[in-house]
Amino acid sequence: MYTQKAKEVVEEMGFTAIKFDLDVPNPYTLDTHSSTLTNAEIKFMVSLVEAVREAVGEEVDIAFDLHWRYNVSYAKRLAYELEPYGLMWLKTPCRPRT
């Protein structure tokens, strides 16, 4: 679904940057309350990003939102795994300090 929408907005609408939610329902999610990620969840999320990058190429900026869902440790781990895809940004991976 992401790849189809990404291609559509780039090819038909001329967008040069796109953003998707990355904290979407994931078949590998075991716990939605602890702010953690399993290895399988991370691999699934990386596969979504990889598919979007392949669909739109390197000329289009891609960004993803995580809606403050993860703790710092897991957010850093996910960000590290996403580094090869040249994200424009990874929005709100963890809650700000209060």
PDB file of N, CA and C in Angstrom:
ATOM      1  N   MET A   1       0.804  -1.186   0.000  1.00  0.00           N
ATOM      2  CA  MET A   1       0.000   0.000   0.000  1.00  0.00           C
ATOM      3  C   MET A   1       0.857   1.264   0.000  1.00  0.00           C
ATOM      4  N   TYR A   2       1.917   1.311   0.819  1.00  0.00           N
ATOM      5  CA  TYR A   2       2.767   2.491   0.859  1.00  0.00           C
ATOM      6  C   TYR A   2       3.415   2.754  -0.495  1.00  0.00           C
ATOM      7  N   THR A   3       3.891   1.704  -1.124  1.00  0.00           N
ATOM      8  CA  THR A   3       4.588   1.915  -2.396  1.00  0.00           C
ATOM      9  C   THR A   3       3.654   2.464  -3.456  1.00  0.00           C
ATOM     10  N   GLN A   4       2.447   1.965  -3.507  1.00  0.00           N
ATOM     11  CA  GLN A   4       1.474   2.443  -4.484  1.00  0.00           C
ATOM     12  C   GLN A   4       1.160   3.921  -4.252  1.00  0.00           C
ATOM     13  N   LYS A   5       0.909   4.293  -3.012  1.00  0.00           N
ATOM     14  CA  LYS A   5       0.588   5.683  -2.689  1.00  0.00           C
ATOM     15  C   LYS A   5       1.799   6.584  -2.937  1.00  0.00           C
ATOM     16  N   ALA A   6       2.979   6.102  -2.595  1.00  0.00           N
ATOM     17  CA  ALA A   6       4.199   6.890  -2.815  1.00  0.00           C
ATOM     18  C   ALA A   6       4.387   7.187  -4.298  1.00  0.00           C
ATOM     19  N   LYS A   7       4.260   6.163  -5.122  1.00  0.00           N
ATOM     20  CA  LYS A   7       4.392   6.365  -6.572  1.00  0.00           C
ATOM     21  C   LYS A   7       3.337   7.331  -7.090  1.00  0.00           C
ATOM     22  N   GLU A   8       2.116   7.179  -6.607  1.00  0.00           N
ATOM     23  CA  GLU A   8       1.001   8.014  -7.051  1.00  0.00           C
ATOM     24  C   GLU A   8       1.266   9.492  -6.773  1.00  0.00           C
ATOM     25  N   VAL A   9       1.635   9.831  -5.541  1.00  0.00           N
ATOM     26  CA  VAL A   9       1.809  11.243  -5.210  1.00  0.00           C
ATOM     27  C   VAL A   9       3.038  11.850  -5.872  1.00  0.00           C
ATOM     28  N   VAL A  10       4.036  11.026  -6.146  1.00  0.00           N
ATOM     29  CA  VAL A  10       5.229  11.529  -6.827  1.00  0.00           C
ATOM     30  C   VAL A  10       4.967  11.685  -8.324  1.00  0.00           C
ATOM     31  N   GLU A  11       4.436  10.648  -8.958  1.00  0.00           N
ATOM     32  CA  GLU A  11       4.241  10.670 -10.408  1.00  0.00           C
ATOM     33  C   GLU A  11       3.065  11.533 -10.844  1.00  0.00           C
ATOM     34  N   GLU A  12       1.955  11.435 -10.141  1.00  0.00           N
ATOM     35  CA  GLU A  12       0.757  12.143 -10.577  1.00  0.00           C
ATOM     36  C   GLU A  12       0.637  13.552 -10.004  1.00  0.00           C
ATOM     37  N   MET A  13       1.201  13.770  -8.831  1.00  0.00           N
ATOM     38  CA  MET A  13       1.039  15.066  -8.188  1.00  0.00           C
ATOM     39  C   MET A  13       2.340  15.863  -8.139  1.00  0.00           C
ATOM     40  N   GLY A  14       3.445  15.220  -8.472  1.00  0.00           N
ATOM     41  CA  GLY A  14       4.718  15.919  -8.521  1.00  0.00           C
ATOM     42  C   GLY A  14       5.372  16.207  -7.187  1.00  0.00           C
ATOM     43  N   PHE A  15       4.985  15.513  -6.143  1.00  0.00           N
ATOM     44  CA  PHE A  15       5.588  15.741  -4.837  1.00  0.00           C
ATOM     45  C   PHE A  15       7.075  15.402  -4.881  1.00  0.00           C
ATOM     46  N   THR A  16       7.869  16.188  -4.187  1.00  0.00           N
ATOM     47  CA  THR A  16       9.309  15.928  -4.094  1.00  0.00           C
ATOM     48  C   THR A  16       9.701  15.455  -2.702  1.00  0.00           C
ATOM     49  N   ALA A  17       8.745  15.429  -1.793  1.00  0.00           N
ATOM     50  CA  ALA A  17       8.948  14.913  -0.440  1.00  0.00           C
ATOM     51  C   ALA A  17       7.626  14.309   0.035  1.00  0.00           C
ATOM     52  N   ILE A  18       7.721  13.181   0.731  1.00  0.00           N
ATOM     53  CA  ILE A  18       6.525  12.505   1.232  1.00  0.00           C
ATOM     54  C   ILE A  18       6.771  11.991   2.652  1.00  0.00           C
ATOM     55  N   LYS A  19       5.677  11.864   3.415  1.00  0.00           N
ATOM     56  CA  LYS A  19       5.766  11.365   4.785  1.00  0.00           C
ATOM     57  C   LYS A  19       4.671  10.334   5.022  1.00  0.00           C
ATOM     58  N   PHE A  20       5.041   9.283   5.717  1.00  0.00           N
ATOM     59  CA  PHE A  20       4.092   8.249   6.112  1.00  0.00           C
ATOM     60  C   PHE A  20       4.237   7.983   7.602  1.00  0.00           C
ATOM     61  N   ASP A  21       3.208   7.400   8.194  1.00  0.00           N
ATOM     62  CA  ASP A  21       3.312   6.893   9.562  1.00  0.00           C
ATOM     63  C   ASP A  21       4.039   5.556   9.502  1.00  0.00           C
ATOM     64  N   LEU A  22       4.975   5.374  10.412  1.00  0.00           N
ATOM     65  CA  LEU A  22       5.702   4.103  10.439  1.00  0.00           C
ATOM     66  C   LEU A  22       5.239   3.212  11.586  1.00  0.00           C
ATOM     67  N   ASP A  23       4.529   3.773  12.527  1.00  0.00           N
ATOM     68  CA  ASP A  23       4.035   2.999  13.674  1.00  0.00           C
ATOM     69  C   ASP A  23       2.645   2.431  13.376  1.00  0.00           C
ATOM     70  N   VAL A  24       2.543   1.772  12.269  1.00  0.00           N
ATOM     71  CA  VAL A  24       1.274   1.206  11.800  1.00  0.00           C
ATOM     72  C   VAL A  24       1.095  -0.212  12.340  1.00  0.00           C
ATOM     73  N   PRO A  25      -0.110  -0.765  12.259  1.00  0.00           N
ATOM     74  CA  PRO A  25      -0.288  -2.161  12.694  1.00  0.00           C
ATOM     75  C   PRO A  25       0.762  -3.066  12.045  1.00  0.00           C
ATOM     76  N   ASN A  26       1.352  -3.857  12.877  1.00  0.00           N
ATOM     77  CA  ASN A  26       2.490  -4.667  12.475  1.00  0.00           C
ATOM     78  C   ASN A  26       2.198  -6.113  12.876  1.00  0.00           C
ATOM     79  N   PRO A  27       2.323  -7.055  11.976  1.00  0.00           N
ATOM     80  CA  PRO A  27       1.996  -8.449  12.322  1.00  0.00           C
ATOM     81  C   PRO A  27       2.910  -9.043  13.395  1.00  0.00           C
ATOM     82  N   TYR A  28       3.985  -8.332  13.744  1.00  0.00           N
ATOM     83  CA  TYR A  28       4.938  -8.863  14.721  1.00  0.00           C
ATOM     84  C   TYR A  28       4.849  -8.176  16.083  1.00  0.00           C
ATOM     85  N   THR A  29       3.911  -7.266  16.249  1.00  0.00           N
ATOM     86  CA  THR A  29       3.774  -6.545  17.505  1.00  0.00           C
ATOM     87  C   THR A  29       3.260  -7.474  18.598  1.00  0.00           C
ATOM     88  N   LEU A  30       3.983  -7.500  19.699  1.00  0.00           N
ATOM     89  CA  LEU A  30       3.588  -8.326  20.840  1.00  0.00           C
ATOM     90  C   LEU A  30       3.057  -7.484  21.989  1.00  0.00           C
ATOM     91  N   ASP A  31       3.545  -6.244  22.093  1.00  0.00           N
ATOM     92  CA  ASP A  31       3.200  -5.407  23.238  1.00  0.00           C
ATOM     93  C   ASP A  31       3.037  -3.964  22.766  1.00  0.00           C
ATOM     94  N   THR A  32       1.860  -3.412  22.926  1.00  0.00           N
ATOM     95  CA  THR A  32       1.611  -2.046  22.455  1.00  0.00           C
ATOM     96  C   THR A  32       1.747  -1.005  23.572  1.00  0.00           C
ATOM     97  N   HIS A  33       2.118  -1.419  24.777  1.00  0.00           N
ATOM     98  CA  HIS A  33       2.151  -0.486  25.904  1.00  0.00           C
ATOM     99  C   HIS A  33       3.537  -0.247  26.487  1.00  0.00           C
ATOM    100  N   SER A  34       4.514  -1.031  26.134  1.00  0.00           N
ATOM    101  CA  SER A  34       5.821  -0.914  26.793  1.00  0.00           C
ATOM    102  C   SER A  34       6.810  -0.007  26.074  1.00  0.00           C
ATOM    103  N   SER A  35       6.448   0.540  24.918  1.00  0.00           N
ATOM    104  CA  SER A  35       7.329   1.423  24.142  1.00  0.00           C
ATOM    105  C   SER A  35       8.570   0.711  23.624  1.00  0.00           C
ATOM    106  N   THR A  36       8.460  -0.592  23.426  1.00  0.00           N
ATOM    107  CA  THR A  36       9.591  -1.373  22.933  1.00  0.00           C
ATOM    108  C   THR A  36       9.279  -1.922  21.540  1.00  0.00           C
ATOM    109  N   LEU A  37      10.305  -2.457  20.903  1.00  0.00           N
ATOM    110  CA  LEU A  37      10.167  -3.082  19.590  1.00  0.00           C
ATOM    111  C   LEU A  37      10.901  -4.413  19.581  1.00  0.00           C
ATOM    112  N   THR A  38      10.320  -5.413  18.972  1.00  0.00           N
ATOM    113  CA  THR A  38      11.016  -6.682  18.794  1.00  0.00           C
ATOM    114  C   THR A  38      11.875  -6.596  17.534  1.00  0.00           C
ATOM    115  N   ASN A  39      12.779  -7.521  17.389  1.00  0.00           N
ATOM    116  CA  ASN A  39      13.595  -7.573  16.166  1.00  0.00           C
ATOM    117  C   ASN A  39      12.713  -7.705  14.931  1.00  0.00           C
ATOM    118  N   ALA A  40      11.679  -8.520  15.025  1.00  0.00           N
ATOM    119  CA  ALA A  40      10.787  -8.722  13.885  1.00  0.00           C
ATOM    120  C   ALA A  40      10.027  -7.438  13.543  1.00  0.00           C
ATOM    121  N   GLU A  41       9.621  -6.694  14.561  1.00  0.00           N
ATOM    122  CA  GLU A  41       8.931  -5.421  14.314  1.00  0.00           C
ATOM    123  C   GLU A  41       9.857  -4.444  13.590  1.00  0.00           C
ATOM    124  N   ILE A  42      11.084  -4.367  14.053  1.00  0.00           N
ATOM    125  CA  ILE A  42      12.047  -3.465  13.414  1.00  0.00           C
ATOM    126  C   ILE A  42      12.273  -3.875  11.969  1.00  0.00           C
ATOM    127  N   LYS A  43      12.450  -5.147  11.723  1.00  0.00           N
ATOM    128  CA  LYS A  43      12.653  -5.609  10.334  1.00  0.00           C
ATOM    129  C   LYS A  43      11.451  -5.286   9.459  1.00  0.00           C
ATOM    130  N   PHE A  44      10.254  -5.425   9.996  1.00  0.00           N
ATOM    131  CA  PHE A  44       9.053  -5.097   9.249  1.00  0.00           C
ATOM    132  C   PHE A  44       9.021  -3.610   8.904  1.00  0.00           C
ATOM    133  N   MET A  45       9.310  -2.771   9.894  1.00  0.00           N
ATOM    134  CA  MET A  45       9.315  -1.328   9.664  1.00  0.00           C
ATOM    135  C   MET A  45      10.380  -0.931   8.634  1.00  0.00           C
ATOM    136  N   VAL A  46      11.534  -1.540   8.738  1.00  0.00           N
ATOM    137  CA  VAL A  46      12.602  -1.266   7.770  1.00  0.00           C
ATOM    138  C   VAL A  46      12.165  -1.694   6.370  1.00  0.00           C
ATOM    139  N   SER A  47      11.444  -2.791   6.272  1.00  0.00           N
ATOM    140  CA  SER A  47      10.990  -3.242   4.952  1.00  0.00           C
ATOM    141  C   SER A  47      10.002  -2.255   4.333  1.00  0.00           C
ATOM    142  N   LEU A  48       9.181  -1.603   5.155  1.00  0.00           N
ATOM    143  CA  LEU A  48       8.274  -0.575   4.634  1.00  0.00           C
ATOM    144  C   LEU A  48       9.061   0.608   4.084  1.00  0.00           C
ATOM    145  N   VAL A  49      10.056   1.049   4.836  1.00  0.00           N
ATOM    146  CA  VAL A  49      10.883   2.175   4.400  1.00  0.00           C
ATOM    147  C   VAL A  49      11.647   1.812   3.134  1.00  0.00           C
ATOM    148  N   GLU A  50      12.215   0.631   3.112  1.00  0.00           N
ATOM    149  CA  GLU A  50      12.959   0.176   1.935  1.00  0.00           C
ATOM    150  C   GLU A  50      12.056   0.154   0.695  1.00  0.00           C
ATOM    151  N   ALA A  51      10.844  -0.315   0.844  1.00  0.00           N
ATOM    152  CA  ALA A  51       9.905  -0.387  -0.284  1.00  0.00           C
ATOM    153  C   ALA A  51       9.557   1.010  -0.802  1.00  0.00           C
ATOM    154  N   VAL A  52       9.350   1.952   0.107  1.00  0.00           N
ATOM    155  CA  VAL A  52       9.053   3.323  -0.319  1.00  0.00           C
ATOM    156  C   VAL A  52      10.257   3.916  -1.031  1.00  0.00           C
ATOM    157  N   ARG A  53      11.434   3.736  -0.478  1.00  0.00           N
ATOM    158  CA  ARG A  53      12.645   4.277  -1.110  1.00  0.00           C
ATOM    159  C   ARG A  53      12.812   3.712  -2.515  1.00  0.00           C
ATOM    160  N   GLU A  54      12.625   2.418  -2.665  1.00  0.00           N
ATOM    161  CA  GLU A  54      12.745   1.794  -3.990  1.00  0.00           C
ATOM    162  C   GLU A  54      11.673   2.309  -4.946  1.00  0.00           C
ATOM    163  N   ALA A  55      10.485   2.587  -4.436  1.00  0.00           N
ATOM    164  CA  ALA A  55       9.377   3.041  -5.281  1.00  0.00           C
ATOM    165  C   ALA A  55       9.597   4.445  -5.819  1.00  0.00           C
ATOM    166  N   VAL A  56      10.194   5.322  -5.016  1.00  0.00           N
ATOM    167  CA  VAL A  56      10.313   6.726  -5.424  1.00  0.00           C
ATOM    168  C   VAL A  56      11.719   7.127  -5.833  1.00  0.00           C
ATOM    169  N   GLY A  57      12.702   6.294  -5.555  1.00  0.00           N
ATOM    170  CA  GLY A  57      14.072   6.623  -5.924  1.00  0.00           C
ATOM    171  C   GLY A  57      14.730   7.572  -4.938  1.00  0.00           C
ATOM    172  N   GLU A  58      15.963   7.912  -5.247  1.00  0.00           N
ATOM    173  CA  GLU A  58      16.766   8.751  -4.360  1.00  0.00           C
ATOM    174  C   GLU A  58      16.444  10.234  -4.487  1.00  0.00           C
ATOM    175  N   GLU A  59      15.751  10.631  -5.550  1.00  0.00           N
ATOM    176  CA  GLU A  59      15.490  12.051  -5.788  1.00  0.00           C
ATOM    177  C   GLU A  59      14.369  12.609  -4.927  1.00  0.00           C
ATOM    178  N   VAL A  60      13.561  11.747  -4.347  1.00  0.00           N
ATOM    179  CA  VAL A  60      12.427  12.173  -3.527  1.00  0.00           C
ATOM    180  C   VAL A  60      12.795  11.992  -2.058  1.00  0.00           C
ATOM    181  N   ASP A  61      12.545  13.043  -1.264  1.00  0.00           N
ATOM    182  CA  ASP A  61      12.779  12.944   0.174  1.00  0.00           C
ATOM    183  C   ASP A  61      11.659  12.137   0.812  1.00  0.00           C
ATOM    184  N   ILE A  62      12.030  11.242   1.717  1.00  0.00           N
ATOM    185  CA  ILE A  62      11.024  10.460   2.437  1.00  0.00           C
ATOM    186  C   ILE A  62      11.198  10.690   3.940  1.00  0.00           C
ATOM    187  N   ALA A  63      10.069  10.766   4.628  1.00  0.00           N
ATOM    188  CA  ALA A  63      10.062  10.988   6.071  1.00  0.00           C
ATOM    189  C   ALA A  63       9.002  10.083   6.696  1.00  0.00           C
ATOM    190  N   PHE A  64       9.197   9.777   7.964  1.00  0.00           N
ATOM    191  CA  PHE A  64       8.272   8.889   8.658  1.00  0.00           C
ATOM    192  C   PHE A  64       8.012   9.409  10.065  1.00  0.00           C
ATOM    193  N   ASP A  65       6.798   9.206  10.539  1.00  0.00           N
ATOM    194  CA  ASP A  65       6.377   9.653  11.867  1.00  0.00           C
ATOM    195  C   ASP A  65       6.168   8.438  12.765  1.00  0.00           C
ATOM    196  N   LEU A  66       6.622   8.545  14.007  1.00  0.00           N
ATOM    197  CA  LEU A  66       6.461   7.464  14.986  1.00  0.00           C
ATOM    198  C   LEU A  66       5.559   7.845  16.152  1.00  0.00           C
ATOM    199  N   HIS A  67       5.075   9.066  16.205  1.00  0.00           N
ATOM    200  CA  HIS A  67       4.075   9.508  17.190  1.00  0.00           C
ATOM    201  C   HIS A  67       4.456   9.239  18.647  1.00  0.00           C
ATOM    202  N   TRP A  68       5.707   9.434  18.996  1.00  0.00           N
ATOM    203  CA  TRP A  68       6.178   9.308  20.380  1.00  0.00           C
ATOM    204  C   TRP A  68       5.931   7.929  20.972  1.00  0.00           C
ATOM    205  N   ARG A  69       5.960   6.917  20.167  1.00  0.00           N
ATOM    206  CA  ARG A  69       5.572   5.578  20.618  1.00  0.00           C
ATOM    207  C   ARG A  69       6.653   4.779  21.342  1.00  0.00           C
ATOM    208  N   TYR A  70       7.931   5.109  21.136  1.00  0.00           N
ATOM    209  CA  TYR A  70       8.992   4.213  21.592  1.00  0.00           C
ATOM    210  C   TYR A  70       9.919   4.895  22.591  1.00  0.00           C
ATOM    211  N   ASN A  71      10.564   4.080  23.413  1.00  0.00           N
ATOM    212  CA  ASN A  71      11.529   4.651  24.340  1.00  0.00           C
ATOM    213  C   ASN A  71      12.817   4.976  23.579  1.00  0.00           C
ATOM    214  N   VAL A  72      13.698   5.711  24.218  1.00  0.00           N
ATOM    215  CA  VAL A  72      14.907   6.208  23.553  1.00  0.00           C
ATOM    216  C   VAL A  72      15.748   5.070  22.982  1.00  0.00           C
ATOM    217  N   SER A  73      15.930   4.032  23.740  1.00  0.00           N
ATOM    218  CA  SER A  73      16.763   2.913  23.308  1.00  0.00           C
ATOM    219  C   SER A  73      16.256   2.287  22.006  1.00  0.00           C
ATOM    220  N   TYR A  74      14.972   2.006  21.946  1.00  0.00           N
ATOM    221  CA  TYR A  74      14.414   1.382  20.745  1.00  0.00           C
ATOM    222  C   TYR A  74      14.307   2.365  19.586  1.00  0.00           C
ATOM    223  N   ALA A  75      14.038   3.628  19.893  1.00  0.00           N
ATOM    224  CA  ALA A  75      13.997   4.644  18.843  1.00  0.00           C
ATOM    225  C   ALA A  75      15.368   4.786  18.185  1.00  0.00           C
ATOM    226  N   LYS A  76      16.423   4.773  18.992  1.00  0.00           N
ATOM    227  CA  LYS A  76      17.783   4.859  18.446  1.00  0.00           C
ATOM    228  C   LYS A  76      18.112   3.637  17.599  1.00  0.00           C
ATOM    229  N   ARG A  77      17.715   2.499  18.087  1.00  0.00           N
ATOM    230  CA  ARG A  77      17.984   1.261  17.341  1.00  0.00           C
ATOM    231  C   ARG A  77      17.282   1.260  15.987  1.00  0.00           C
ATOM    232  N   LEU A  78      16.020   1.679  15.975  1.00  0.00           N
ATOM    233  CA  LEU A  78      15.278   1.762  14.725  1.00  0.00           C
ATOM    234  C   LEU A  78      15.912   2.789  13.796  1.00  0.00           C
ATOM    235  N   ALA A  79      16.254   3.958  14.330  1.00  0.00           N
ATOM    236  CA  ALA A  79      16.875   5.006  13.514  1.00  0.00           C
ATOM    237  C   ALA A  79      18.171   4.511  12.879  1.00  0.00           C
ATOM    238  N   TYR A  80      18.960   3.763  13.626  1.00  0.00           N
ATOM    239  CA  TYR A  80      20.201   3.204  13.097  1.00  0.00           C
ATOM    240  C   TYR A  80      19.912   2.271  11.912  1.00  0.00           C
ATOM    241  N   GLU A  81      18.907   1.431  12.045  1.00  0.00           N
ATOM    242  CA  GLU A  81      18.561   0.497  10.972  1.00  0.00           C
ATOM    243  C   GLU A  81      18.022   1.222   9.736  1.00  0.00           C
ATOM    244  N   LEU A  82      17.449   2.405   9.926  1.00  0.00           N
ATOM    245  CA  LEU A  82      16.873   3.169   8.814  1.00  0.00           C
ATOM    246  C   LEU A  82      17.883   4.091   8.142  1.00  0.00           C
ATOM    247  N   GLU A  83      19.047   4.234   8.731  1.00  0.00           N
ATOM    248  CA  GLU A  83      20.045   5.154   8.206  1.00  0.00           C
ATOM    249  C   GLU A  83      20.395   4.940   6.730  1.00  0.00           C
ATOM    250  N   PRO A  84      20.514   3.719   6.244  1.00  0.00           N
ATOM    251  CA  PRO A  84      20.873   3.530   4.828  1.00  0.00           C
ATOM    252  C   PRO A  84      19.856   4.084   3.821  1.00  0.00           C
ATOM    253  N   TYR A  85      18.661   4.410   4.278  1.00  0.00           N
ATOM    254  CA  TYR A  85      17.611   4.836   3.352  1.00  0.00           C
ATOM    255  C   TYR A  85      17.520   6.352   3.209  1.00  0.00           C
ATOM    256  N   GLY A  86      18.414   7.067   3.856  1.00  0.00           N
ATOM    257  CA  GLY A  86      18.514   8.505   3.685  1.00  0.00           C
ATOM    258  C   GLY A  86      17.238   9.270   3.976  1.00  0.00           C
ATOM    259  N   LEU A  87      16.649   9.017   5.127  1.00  0.00           N
ATOM    260  CA  LEU A  87      15.405   9.703   5.471  1.00  0.00           C
ATOM    261  C   LEU A  87      15.625  11.210   5.616  1.00  0.00           C
ATOM    262  N   MET A  88      14.633  11.960   5.200  1.00  0.00           N
ATOM    263  CA  MET A  88      14.645  13.394   5.426  1.00  0.00           C
ATOM    264  C   MET A  88      14.562  13.657   6.937  1.00  0.00           C
ATOM    265  N   TRP A  89      13.683  12.932   7.595  1.00  0.00           N
ATOM    266  CA  TRP A  89      13.601  12.930   9.037  1.00  0.00           C
ATOM    267  C   TRP A  89      12.755  11.767   9.539  1.00  0.00           C
ATOM    268  N   LEU A  90      12.940  11.490  10.816  1.00  0.00           N
ATOM    269  CA  LEU A  90      12.159  10.487  11.531  1.00  0.00           C
ATOM    270  C   LEU A  90      11.494  11.251  12.670  1.00  0.00           C
ATOM    271  N   LYS A  91      10.222  11.541  12.513  1.00  0.00           N
ATOM    272  CA  LYS A  91       9.523  12.465  13.404  1.00  0.00           C
ATOM    273  C   LYS A  91       9.063  11.805  14.698  1.00  0.00           C
ATOM    274  N   THR A  92       9.265  12.485  15.767  1.00  0.00           N
ATOM    275  CA  THR A  92       8.813  12.146  17.120  1.00  0.00           C
ATOM    276  C   THR A  92       8.914  10.660  17.471  1.00  0.00           C
ATOM    277  N   PRO A  93      10.128  10.109  17.467  1.00  0.00           N
ATOM    278  CA  PRO A  93      10.266   8.694  17.796  1.00  0.00           C
ATOM    279  C   PRO A  93      10.013   8.395  19.277  1.00  0.00           C
ATOM    280  N   CYS A  94      10.313   9.361  20.162  1.00  0.00           N
ATOM    281  CA  CYS A  94      10.092   9.127  21.591  1.00  0.00           C
ATOM    282  C   CYS A  94       9.583  10.418  22.237  1.00  0.00           C
ATOM    283  N   ARG A  95       8.995  10.248  23.409  1.00  0.00           N
ATOM    284  CA  ARG A  95       8.424  11.397  24.128  1.00  0.00           C
ATOM    285  C   ARG A  95       9.533  12.352  24.589  1.00  0.00           C
ATOM    286  N   PRO A  96       9.237  13.653  24.571  1.00  0.00           N
ATOM    287  CA  PRO A  96      10.202  14.600  25.127  1.00  0.00           C
ATOM    288  C   PRO A  96      10.238  14.444  26.645  1.00  0.00           C
ATOM    289  N   ARG A  97      11.303  14.877  27.224  1.00  0.00           N
ATOM    290  CA  ARG A  97      11.403  14.832  28.695  1.00  0.00           C
ATOM    291  C   ARG A  97      10.446  15.833  29.292  1.00  0.00           C
ATOM    292  N   THR A  98       9.843  15.461  30.384  1.00  0.00           N
ATOM    293  CA  THR A  98       8.912  16.397  31.041  1.00  0.00           C
ATOM    294  C   THR A  98       9.421  16.807  32.397  1.00  0.00           C
TER     295      THR A  98
END
